[in-house]
Amino acid sequence: MSTLLHSGGQELLNSLGGPGYLMDMERRVEALALPSCPFCGGPAEVCVGMMCLTPRVMIRCGSCKSATCPQPTGYDVLHKRNTTVNEALTAAISRWNRRQ
């Protein structure tokens, strides 16, 4: 079971689609079976926050705080399309599982 941490207050809630969306995401994260930290064996935490007014998702260790790079949402210049929070979460999970 994983934990969802979020920061960003009302701005984050509005950009994600409101409190209902955050509760759905919380249920999805709790159902994940993320592997423990490769460095210390601590529990994985899914973090959602704002950076430069853009929601970002990353996974970090609850003990030593090692983490994946934050996955942004919004317009992806490289692939020329919009990235949703669910896609950012999927990318962060993939990076955590590969330890990148």
PDB file of N, CA and C in Angstrom:
ATOM      1  N   MET A   1       0.841  -1.179   0.000  1.00  0.00           N
ATOM      2  CA  MET A   1       0.000   0.000   0.000  1.00  0.00           C
ATOM      3  C   MET A   1       0.884   1.240   0.000  1.00  0.00           C
ATOM      4  N   SER A   2       0.582   2.198  -0.835  1.00  0.00           N
ATOM      5  CA  SER A   2       1.347   3.429  -0.942  1.00  0.00           C
ATOM      6  C   SER A   2       0.554   4.588  -0.361  1.00  0.00           C
ATOM      7  N   THR A   3       1.258   5.663  -0.068  1.00  0.00           N
ATOM      8  CA  THR A   3       0.654   6.853   0.524  1.00  0.00           C
ATOM      9  C   THR A   3       0.687   7.987  -0.484  1.00  0.00           C
ATOM     10  N   LEU A   4      -0.372   8.792  -0.538  1.00  0.00           N
ATOM     11  CA  LEU A   4      -0.413   9.984  -1.385  1.00  0.00           C
ATOM     12  C   LEU A   4      -0.168  11.206  -0.519  1.00  0.00           C
ATOM     13  N   LEU A   5       0.836  11.984  -0.875  1.00  0.00           N
ATOM     14  CA  LEU A   5       1.113  13.252  -0.217  1.00  0.00           C
ATOM     15  C   LEU A   5       0.824  14.347  -1.231  1.00  0.00           C
ATOM     16  N   HIS A   6       0.217  15.441  -0.807  1.00  0.00           N
ATOM     17  CA  HIS A   6      -0.039  16.522  -1.741  1.00  0.00           C
ATOM     18  C   HIS A   6       0.152  17.860  -1.063  1.00  0.00           C
ATOM     19  N   SER A   7       0.645  18.811  -1.854  1.00  0.00           N
ATOM     20  CA  SER A   7       0.815  20.171  -1.378  1.00  0.00           C
ATOM     21  C   SER A   7       0.440  21.099  -2.525  1.00  0.00           C
ATOM     22  N   GLY A   8       0.112  22.289  -2.219  1.00  0.00           N
ATOM     23  CA  GLY A   8      -0.265  23.233  -3.257  1.00  0.00           C
ATOM     24  C   GLY A   8      -1.604  23.880  -2.979  1.00  0.00           C
ATOM     25  N   GLY A   9      -2.313  23.380  -1.982  1.00  0.00           N
ATOM     26  CA  GLY A   9      -3.555  24.002  -1.552  1.00  0.00           C
ATOM     27  C   GLY A   9      -4.632  24.057  -2.615  1.00  0.00           C
ATOM     28  N   GLN A  10      -5.399  25.140  -2.589  1.00  0.00           N
ATOM     29  CA  GLN A  10      -6.549  25.288  -3.472  1.00  0.00           C
ATOM     30  C   GLN A  10      -6.142  25.344  -4.939  1.00  0.00           C
ATOM     31  N   GLU A  11      -4.977  25.943  -5.241  1.00  0.00           N
ATOM     32  CA  GLU A  11      -4.488  25.992  -6.622  1.00  0.00           C
ATOM     33  C   GLU A  11      -4.324  24.593  -7.198  1.00  0.00           C
ATOM     34  N   LEU A  12      -3.749  23.712  -6.403  1.00  0.00           N
ATOM     35  CA  LEU A  12      -3.552  22.327  -6.857  1.00  0.00           C
ATOM     36  C   LEU A  12      -4.898  21.644  -7.053  1.00  0.00           C
ATOM     37  N   LEU A  13      -5.808  21.800  -6.090  1.00  0.00           N
ATOM     38  CA  LEU A  13      -7.130  21.182  -6.208  1.00  0.00           C
ATOM     39  C   LEU A  13      -7.853  21.655  -7.461  1.00  0.00           C
ATOM     40  N   ASN A  14      -7.792  22.951  -7.728  1.00  0.00           N
ATOM     41  CA  ASN A  14      -8.464  23.493  -8.916  1.00  0.00           C
ATOM     42  C   ASN A  14      -7.845  22.949 -10.200  1.00  0.00           C
ATOM     43  N   SER A  15      -6.524  22.854 -10.251  1.00  0.00           N
ATOM     44  CA  SER A  15      -5.869  22.383 -11.474  1.00  0.00           C
ATOM     45  C   SER A  15      -6.100  20.889 -11.698  1.00  0.00           C
ATOM     46  N   LEU A  16      -6.310  20.128 -10.630  1.00  0.00           N
ATOM     47  CA  LEU A  16      -6.554  18.689 -10.768  1.00  0.00           C
ATOM     48  C   LEU A  16      -8.007  18.377 -11.069  1.00  0.00           C
ATOM     49  N   GLY A  17      -8.919  19.275 -10.765  1.00  0.00           N
ATOM     50  CA  GLY A  17     -10.336  19.015 -11.030  1.00  0.00           C
ATOM     51  C   GLY A  17     -11.171  18.956  -9.774  1.00  0.00           C
ATOM     52  N   GLY A  18     -10.636  19.413  -8.655  1.00  0.00           N
ATOM     53  CA  GLY A  18     -11.412  19.487  -7.420  1.00  0.00           C
ATOM     54  C   GLY A  18     -11.121  18.365  -6.444  1.00  0.00           C
ATOM     55  N   PRO A  19     -11.730  18.436  -5.243  1.00  0.00           N
ATOM     56  CA  PRO A  19     -11.479  17.452  -4.183  1.00  0.00           C
ATOM     57  C   PRO A  19     -11.854  16.028  -4.567  1.00  0.00           C
ATOM     58  N   GLY A  20     -12.897  15.862  -5.382  1.00  0.00           N
ATOM     59  CA  GLY A  20     -13.314  14.515  -5.795  1.00  0.00           C
ATOM     60  C   GLY A  20     -12.228  13.808  -6.586  1.00  0.00           C
ATOM     61  N   TYR A  21     -11.562  14.545  -7.460  1.00  0.00           N
ATOM     62  CA  TYR A  21     -10.481  13.967  -8.261  1.00  0.00           C
ATOM     63  C   TYR A  21      -9.325  13.530  -7.364  1.00  0.00           C
ATOM     64  N   LEU A  22      -9.016  14.364  -6.362  1.00  0.00           N
ATOM     65  CA  LEU A  22      -7.937  14.031  -5.436  1.00  0.00           C
ATOM     66  C   LEU A  22      -8.274  12.786  -4.625  1.00  0.00           C
ATOM     67  N   MET A  23      -9.538  12.628  -4.229  1.00  0.00           N
ATOM     68  CA  MET A  23      -9.946  11.431  -3.487  1.00  0.00           C
ATOM     69  C   MET A  23      -9.838  10.182  -4.357  1.00  0.00           C
ATOM     70  N   ASP A  24     -10.203  10.289  -5.645  1.00  0.00           N
ATOM     71  CA  ASP A  24     -10.054   9.159  -6.566  1.00  0.00           C
ATOM     72  C   ASP A  24      -8.588   8.782  -6.726  1.00  0.00           C
ATOM     73  N   MET A  25      -7.744   9.793  -6.840  1.00  0.00           N
ATOM     74  CA  MET A  25      -6.316   9.545  -6.982  1.00  0.00           C
ATOM     75  C   MET A  25      -5.754   8.892  -5.717  1.00  0.00           C
ATOM     76  N   GLU A  26      -6.242   9.329  -4.556  1.00  0.00           N
ATOM     77  CA  GLU A  26      -5.808   8.751  -3.288  1.00  0.00           C
ATOM     78  C   GLU A  26      -6.141   7.250  -3.238  1.00  0.00           C
ATOM     79  N   ARG A  27      -7.343   6.877  -3.693  1.00  0.00           N
ATOM     80  CA  ARG A  27      -7.725   5.463  -3.727  1.00  0.00           C
ATOM     81  C   ARG A  27      -6.834   4.674  -4.676  1.00  0.00           C
ATOM     82  N   ARG A  28      -6.548   5.263  -5.834  1.00  0.00           N
ATOM     83  CA  ARG A  28      -5.674   4.591  -6.815  1.00  0.00           C
ATOM     84  C   ARG A  28      -4.273   4.373  -6.245  1.00  0.00           C
ATOM     85  N   VAL A  29      -3.749   5.381  -5.572  1.00  0.00           N
ATOM     86  CA  VAL A  29      -2.396   5.284  -5.005  1.00  0.00           C
ATOM     87  C   VAL A  29      -2.359   4.249  -3.890  1.00  0.00           C
ATOM     88  N   GLU A  30      -3.385   4.208  -3.050  1.00  0.00           N
ATOM     89  CA  GLU A  30      -3.422   3.231  -1.956  1.00  0.00           C
ATOM     90  C   GLU A  30      -3.438   1.799  -2.481  1.00  0.00           C
ATOM     91  N   ALA A  31      -3.998   1.595  -3.672  1.00  0.00           N
ATOM     92  CA  ALA A  31      -4.071   0.250  -4.257  1.00  0.00           C
ATOM     93  C   ALA A  31      -2.760  -0.172  -4.922  1.00  0.00           C
ATOM     94  N   LEU A  32      -1.839   0.773  -5.131  1.00  0.00           N
ATOM     95  CA  LEU A  32      -0.570   0.444  -5.785  1.00  0.00           C
ATOM     96  C   LEU A  32       0.297  -0.444  -4.893  1.00  0.00           C
ATOM     97  N   ALA A  33       1.049  -1.301  -5.523  1.00  0.00           N
ATOM     98  CA  ALA A  33       2.016  -2.129  -4.789  1.00  0.00           C
ATOM     99  C   ALA A  33       3.406  -1.720  -5.260  1.00  0.00           C
ATOM    100  N   LEU A  34       3.836  -0.529  -4.832  1.00  0.00           N
ATOM    101  CA  LEU A  34       5.156  -0.042  -5.238  1.00  0.00           C
ATOM    102  C   LEU A  34       6.242  -0.742  -4.428  1.00  0.00           C
ATOM    103  N   PRO A  35       7.355  -1.089  -5.081  1.00  0.00           N
ATOM    104  CA  PRO A  35       8.452  -1.712  -4.340  1.00  0.00           C
ATOM    105  C   PRO A  35       9.056  -0.719  -3.351  1.00  0.00           C
ATOM    106  N   SER A  36       9.671  -1.247  -2.325  1.00  0.00           N
ATOM    107  CA  SER A  36      10.308  -0.385  -1.326  1.00  0.00           C
ATOM    108  C   SER A  36      11.561   0.271  -1.907  1.00  0.00           C
ATOM    109  N   CYS A  37      12.100   1.217  -1.177  1.00  0.00           N
ATOM    110  CA  CYS A  37      13.276   1.976  -1.608  1.00  0.00           C
ATOM    111  C   CYS A  37      14.468   1.043  -1.826  1.00  0.00           C
ATOM    112  N   PRO A  38      15.190   1.201  -2.945  1.00  0.00           N
ATOM    113  CA  PRO A  38      16.344   0.339  -3.200  1.00  0.00           C
ATOM    114  C   PRO A  38      17.543   0.665  -2.312  1.00  0.00           C
ATOM    115  N   PHE A  39      17.532   1.817  -1.655  1.00  0.00           N
ATOM    116  CA  PHE A  39      18.669   2.237  -0.841  1.00  0.00           C
ATOM    117  C   PHE A  39      18.516   1.866   0.630  1.00  0.00           C
ATOM    118  N   CYS A  40      17.293   2.091   1.170  1.00  0.00           N
ATOM    119  CA  CYS A  40      17.123   1.837   2.607  1.00  0.00           C
ATOM    120  C   CYS A  40      15.969   0.887   2.923  1.00  0.00           C
ATOM    121  N   GLY A  41      15.162   0.542   1.914  1.00  0.00           N
ATOM    122  CA  GLY A  41      14.037  -0.358   2.146  1.00  0.00           C
ATOM    123  C   GLY A  41      12.799   0.325   2.692  1.00  0.00           C
ATOM    124  N   GLY A  42      12.802   1.670   2.724  1.00  0.00           N
ATOM    125  CA  GLY A  42      11.665   2.427   3.250  1.00  0.00           C
ATOM    126  C   GLY A  42      10.459   2.380   2.326  1.00  0.00           C
ATOM    127  N   PRO A  43       9.304   2.840   2.808  1.00  0.00           N
ATOM    128  CA  PRO A  43       8.067   2.800   2.021  1.00  0.00           C
ATOM    129  C   PRO A  43       8.051   3.887   0.946  1.00  0.00           C
ATOM    130  N   ALA A  44       7.407   3.582  -0.171  1.00  0.00           N
ATOM    131  CA  ALA A  44       7.265   4.548  -1.261  1.00  0.00           C
ATOM    132  C   ALA A  44       6.083   5.467  -0.997  1.00  0.00           C
ATOM    133  N   GLU A  45       6.252   6.753  -1.306  1.00  0.00           N
ATOM    134  CA  GLU A  45       5.190   7.745  -1.182  1.00  0.00           C
ATOM    135  C   GLU A  45       5.005   8.427  -2.532  1.00  0.00           C
ATOM    136  N   VAL A  46       3.766   8.616  -2.938  1.00  0.00           N
ATOM    137  CA  VAL A  46       3.457   9.347  -4.165  1.00  0.00           C
ATOM    138  C   VAL A  46       3.195  10.793  -3.758  1.00  0.00           C
ATOM    139  N   CYS A  47       3.944  11.720  -4.344  1.00  0.00           N
ATOM    140  CA  CYS A  47       3.829  13.140  -4.009  1.00  0.00           C
ATOM    141  C   CYS A  47       3.269  13.910  -5.194  1.00  0.00           C
ATOM    142  N   VAL A  48       2.249  14.701  -4.950  1.00  0.00           N
ATOM    143  CA  VAL A  48       1.650  15.566  -5.970  1.00  0.00           C
ATOM    144  C   VAL A  48       1.750  16.984  -5.454  1.00  0.00           C
ATOM    145  N   GLY A  49       2.310  17.862  -6.265  1.00  0.00           N
ATOM    146  CA  GLY A  49       2.456  19.250  -5.850  1.00  0.00           C
ATOM    147  C   GLY A  49       2.513  20.169  -7.048  1.00  0.00           C
ATOM    148  N   MET A  50       2.738  21.442  -6.779  1.00  0.00           N
ATOM    149  CA  MET A  50       2.813  22.448  -7.835  1.00  0.00           C
ATOM    150  C   MET A  50       4.255  22.927  -7.964  1.00  0.00           C
ATOM    151  N   MET A  51       4.695  23.082  -9.202  1.00  0.00           N
ATOM    152  CA  MET A  51       5.993  23.676  -9.482  1.00  0.00           C
ATOM    153  C   MET A  51       5.803  24.552 -10.716  1.00  0.00           C
ATOM    154  N   CYS A  52       6.106  25.831 -10.617  1.00  0.00           N
ATOM    155  CA  CYS A  52       5.902  26.778 -11.724  1.00  0.00           C
ATOM    156  C   CYS A  52       4.449  26.742 -12.210  1.00  0.00           C
ATOM    157  N   LEU A  53       3.511  26.688 -11.272  1.00  0.00           N
ATOM    158  CA  LEU A  53       2.072  26.667 -11.544  1.00  0.00           C
ATOM    159  C   LEU A  53       1.606  25.454 -12.338  1.00  0.00           C
ATOM    160  N   THR A  54       2.403  24.384 -12.331  1.00  0.00           N
ATOM    161  CA  THR A  54       2.061  23.156 -13.040  1.00  0.00           C
ATOM    162  C   THR A  54       2.058  22.000 -12.055  1.00  0.00           C
ATOM    163  N   PRO A  55       0.982  21.184 -12.022  1.00  0.00           N
ATOM    164  CA  PRO A  55       0.999  20.011 -11.154  1.00  0.00           C
ATOM    165  C   PRO A  55       2.115  19.051 -11.572  1.00  0.00           C
ATOM    166  N   ARG A  56       2.806  18.501 -10.594  1.00  0.00           N
ATOM    167  CA  ARG A  56       3.887  17.540 -10.833  1.00  0.00           C
ATOM    168  C   ARG A  56       3.673  16.343  -9.919  1.00  0.00           C
ATOM    169  N   VAL A  57       4.119  15.182 -10.392  1.00  0.00           N
ATOM    170  CA  VAL A  57       3.989  13.942  -9.631  1.00  0.00           C
ATOM    171  C   VAL A  57       5.370  13.310  -9.505  1.00  0.00           C
ATOM    172  N   MET A  58       5.713  12.852  -8.309  1.00  0.00           N
ATOM    173  CA  MET A  58       6.955  12.106  -8.126  1.00  0.00           C
ATOM    174  C   MET A  58       6.733  11.050  -7.057  1.00  0.00           C
ATOM    175  N   ILE A  59       7.629  10.093  -7.013  1.00  0.00           N
ATOM    176  CA  ILE A  59       7.581   9.058  -5.979  1.00  0.00           C
ATOM    177  C   ILE A  59       8.873   9.163  -5.195  1.00  0.00           C
ATOM    178  N   ARG A  60       8.755   9.136  -3.868  1.00  0.00           N
ATOM    179  CA  ARG A  60       9.949   9.232  -3.033  1.00  0.00           C
ATOM    180  C   ARG A  60       9.867   8.247  -1.876  1.00  0.00           C
ATOM    181  N   CYS A  61      11.005   8.000  -1.275  1.00  0.00           N
ATOM    182  CA  CYS A  61      11.083   7.117  -0.115  1.00  0.00           C
ATOM    183  C   CYS A  61      10.627   7.883   1.118  1.00  0.00           C
ATOM    184  N   GLY A  62       9.822   7.258   1.943  1.00  0.00           N
ATOM    185  CA  GLY A  62       9.356   7.886   3.169  1.00  0.00           C
ATOM    186  C   GLY A  62      10.424   8.003   4.236  1.00  0.00           C
ATOM    187  N   SER A  63      11.531   7.260   4.080  1.00  0.00           N
ATOM    188  CA  SER A  63      12.593   7.295   5.080  1.00  0.00           C
ATOM    189  C   SER A  63      13.765   8.185   4.654  1.00  0.00           C
ATOM    190  N   CYS A  64      14.451   7.804   3.569  1.00  0.00           N
ATOM    191  CA  CYS A  64      15.660   8.534   3.162  1.00  0.00           C
ATOM    192  C   CYS A  64      15.374   9.657   2.164  1.00  0.00           C
ATOM    193  N   LYS A  65      14.145   9.755   1.678  1.00  0.00           N
ATOM    194  CA  LYS A  65      13.683  10.814   0.768  1.00  0.00           C
ATOM    195  C   LYS A  65      14.306  10.766  -0.627  1.00  0.00           C
ATOM    196  N   SER A  66      14.931   9.657  -1.026  1.00  0.00           N
ATOM    197  CA  SER A  66      15.373   9.545  -2.419  1.00  0.00           C
ATOM    198  C   SER A  66      14.114   9.531  -3.281  1.00  0.00           C
ATOM    199  N   ALA A  67      14.199  10.104  -4.502  1.00  0.00           N
ATOM    200  CA  ALA A  67      12.977  10.302  -5.291  1.00  0.00           C
ATOM    201  C   ALA A  67      13.240  10.234  -6.786  1.00  0.00           C
ATOM    202  N   THR A  68      12.147  10.022  -7.533  1.00  0.00           N
ATOM    203  CA  THR A  68      12.200  10.130  -8.981  1.00  0.00           C
ATOM    204  C   THR A  68      12.151  11.620  -9.318  1.00  0.00           C
ATOM    205  N   CYS A  69      12.498  11.977 -10.540  1.00  0.00           N
ATOM    206  CA  CYS A  69      12.365  13.381 -10.935  1.00  0.00           C
ATOM    207  C   CYS A  69      10.874  13.691 -11.066  1.00  0.00           C
ATOM    208  N   PRO A  70      10.463  14.927 -10.762  1.00  0.00           N
ATOM    209  CA  PRO A  70       9.040  15.277 -10.856  1.00  0.00           C
ATOM    210  C   PRO A  70       8.536  15.197 -12.293  1.00  0.00           C
ATOM    211  N   GLN A  71       7.431  14.487 -12.494  1.00  0.00           N
ATOM    212  CA  GLN A  71       6.814  14.351 -13.815  1.00  0.00           C
ATOM    213  C   GLN A  71       5.776  15.455 -13.981  1.00  0.00           C
ATOM    214  N   PRO A  72       5.963  16.360 -14.959  1.00  0.00           N
ATOM    215  CA  PRO A  72       5.020  17.470 -15.125  1.00  0.00           C
ATOM    216  C   PRO A  72       3.747  17.059 -15.852  1.00  0.00           C
ATOM    217  N   THR A  73       2.711  17.846 -15.643  1.00  0.00           N
ATOM    218  CA  THR A  73       1.476  17.708 -16.414  1.00  0.00           C
ATOM    219  C   THR A  73       1.397  18.907 -17.349  1.00  0.00           C
ATOM    220  N   GLY A  74       0.410  18.939 -18.204  1.00  0.00           N
ATOM    221  CA  GLY A  74       0.254  20.058 -19.113  1.00  0.00           C
ATOM    222  C   GLY A  74       0.825  19.747 -20.475  1.00  0.00           C
ATOM    223  N   TYR A  75       1.226  20.768 -21.192  1.00  0.00           N
ATOM    224  CA  TYR A  75       1.672  20.579 -22.565  1.00  0.00           C
ATOM    225  C   TYR A  75       3.084  19.995 -22.600  1.00  0.00           C
ATOM    226  N   ASP A  76       3.235  18.864 -23.273  1.00  0.00           N
ATOM    227  CA  ASP A  76       4.516  18.181 -23.443  1.00  0.00           C
ATOM    228  C   ASP A  76       5.101  18.614 -24.792  1.00  0.00           C
ATOM    229  N   VAL A  77       6.119  19.464 -24.762  1.00  0.00           N
ATOM    230  CA  VAL A  77       6.709  20.014 -25.983  1.00  0.00           C
ATOM    231  C   VAL A  77       7.333  18.914 -26.830  1.00  0.00           C
ATOM    232  N   LEU A  78       7.979  17.955 -26.195  1.00  0.00           N
ATOM    233  CA  LEU A  78       8.658  16.880 -26.927  1.00  0.00           C
ATOM    234  C   LEU A  78       7.668  16.064 -27.765  1.00  0.00           C
ATOM    235  N   HIS A  79       6.539  15.684 -27.156  1.00  0.00           N
ATOM    236  CA  HIS A  79       5.559  14.846 -27.845  1.00  0.00           C
ATOM    237  C   HIS A  79       4.384  15.643 -28.427  1.00  0.00           C
ATOM    238  N   LYS A  80       4.392  16.965 -28.213  1.00  0.00           N
ATOM    239  CA  LYS A  80       3.366  17.877 -28.749  1.00  0.00           C
ATOM    240  C   LYS A  80       1.945  17.440 -28.411  1.00  0.00           C
ATOM    241  N   ARG A  81       1.711  17.214 -27.110  1.00  0.00           N
ATOM    242  CA  ARG A  81       0.375  16.861 -26.647  1.00  0.00           C
ATOM    243  C   ARG A  81       0.271  17.187 -25.165  1.00  0.00           C
ATOM    244  N   ASN A  82      -0.946  17.194 -24.644  1.00  0.00           N
ATOM    245  CA  ASN A  82      -1.161  17.450 -23.228  1.00  0.00           C
ATOM    246  C   ASN A  82      -0.955  16.181 -22.419  1.00  0.00           C
ATOM    247  N   THR A  83      -0.342  16.327 -21.256  1.00  0.00           N
ATOM    248  CA  THR A  83      -0.106  15.215 -20.341  1.00  0.00           C
ATOM    249  C   THR A  83      -1.009  15.393 -19.129  1.00  0.00           C
ATOM    250  N   THR A  84      -1.771  14.355 -18.780  1.00  0.00           N
ATOM    251  CA  THR A  84      -2.665  14.420 -17.623  1.00  0.00           C
ATOM    252  C   THR A  84      -1.922  13.986 -16.360  1.00  0.00           C
ATOM    253  N   VAL A  85      -2.570  14.189 -15.218  1.00  0.00           N
ATOM    254  CA  VAL A  85      -1.991  13.768 -13.942  1.00  0.00           C
ATOM    255  C   VAL A  85      -1.847  12.247 -13.909  1.00  0.00           C
ATOM    256  N   ASN A  86      -2.822  11.518 -14.473  1.00  0.00           N
ATOM    257  CA  ASN A  86      -2.732  10.056 -14.504  1.00  0.00           C
ATOM    258  C   ASN A  86      -1.534   9.601 -15.331  1.00  0.00           C
ATOM    259  N   GLU A  87      -1.264  10.280 -16.455  1.00  0.00           N
ATOM    260  CA  GLU A  87      -0.094   9.929 -17.272  1.00  0.00           C
ATOM    261  C   GLU A  87       1.200  10.246 -16.534  1.00  0.00           C
ATOM    262  N   ALA A  88       1.226  11.368 -15.820  1.00  0.00           N
ATOM    263  CA  ALA A  88       2.408  11.723 -15.027  1.00  0.00           C
ATOM    264  C   ALA A  88       2.628  10.700 -13.915  1.00  0.00           C
ATOM    265  N   LEU A  89       1.540  10.238 -13.284  1.00  0.00           N
ATOM    266  CA  LEU A  89       1.643   9.218 -12.239  1.00  0.00           C
ATOM    267  C   LEU A  89       2.175   7.910 -12.819  1.00  0.00           C
ATOM    268  N   THR A  90       1.664   7.515 -13.975  1.00  0.00           N
ATOM    269  CA  THR A  90       2.133   6.289 -14.621  1.00  0.00           C
ATOM    270  C   THR A  90       3.617   6.383 -14.957  1.00  0.00           C
ATOM    271  N   ALA A  91       4.060   7.539 -15.449  1.00  0.00           N
ATOM    272  CA  ALA A  91       5.477   7.734 -15.776  1.00  0.00           C
ATOM    273  C   ALA A  91       6.338   7.690 -14.513  1.00  0.00           C
ATOM    274  N   ALA A  92       5.858   8.302 -13.423  1.00  0.00           N
ATOM    275  CA  ALA A  92       6.609   8.284 -12.166  1.00  0.00           C
ATOM    276  C   ALA A  92       6.717   6.855 -11.616  1.00  0.00           C
ATOM    277  N   ILE A  93       5.635   6.089 -11.715  1.00  0.00           N
ATOM    278  CA  ILE A  93       5.658   4.692 -11.259  1.00  0.00           C
ATOM    279  C   ILE A  93       6.661   3.890 -12.071  1.00  0.00           C
ATOM    280  N   SER A  94       6.664   4.108 -13.374  1.00  0.00           N
ATOM    281  CA  SER A  94       7.604   3.399 -14.255  1.00  0.00           C
ATOM    282  C   SER A  94       9.046   3.735 -13.876  1.00  0.00           C
ATOM    283  N   ARG A  95       9.335   5.009 -13.614  1.00  0.00           N
ATOM    284  CA  ARG A  95      10.689   5.408 -13.219  1.00  0.00           C
ATOM    285  C   ARG A  95      11.072   4.801 -11.877  1.00  0.00           C
ATOM    286  N   TRP A  96      10.147   4.793 -10.924  1.00  0.00           N
ATOM    287  CA  TRP A  96      10.436   4.223  -9.601  1.00  0.00           C
ATOM    288  C   TRP A  96      10.719   2.728  -9.719  1.00  0.00           C
ATOM    289  N   ASN A  97       9.914   2.029 -10.520  1.00  0.00           N
ATOM    290  CA  ASN A  97      10.102   0.587 -10.674  1.00  0.00           C
ATOM    291  C   ASN A  97      11.410   0.248 -11.390  1.00  0.00           C
ATOM    292  N   ARG A  98      11.878   1.149 -12.270  1.00  0.00           N
ATOM    293  CA  ARG A  98      13.159   0.936 -12.943  1.00  0.00           C
ATOM    294  C   ARG A  98      14.311   1.559 -12.191  1.00  0.00           C
ATOM    295  N   ARG A  99      14.007   2.287 -11.149  1.00  0.00           N
ATOM    296  CA  ARG A  99      15.006   2.978 -10.330  1.00  0.00           C
ATOM    297  C   ARG A  99      15.778   4.003 -11.146  1.00  0.00           C
ATOM    298  N   GLN A 100      15.050   4.803 -11.940  1.00  0.00           N
ATOM    299  CA  GLN A 100      15.686   5.886 -12.711  1.00  0.00           C
ATOM    300  C   GLN A 100      15.335   7.218 -12.111  1.00  0.00           C
TER     301      GLN A 100
END
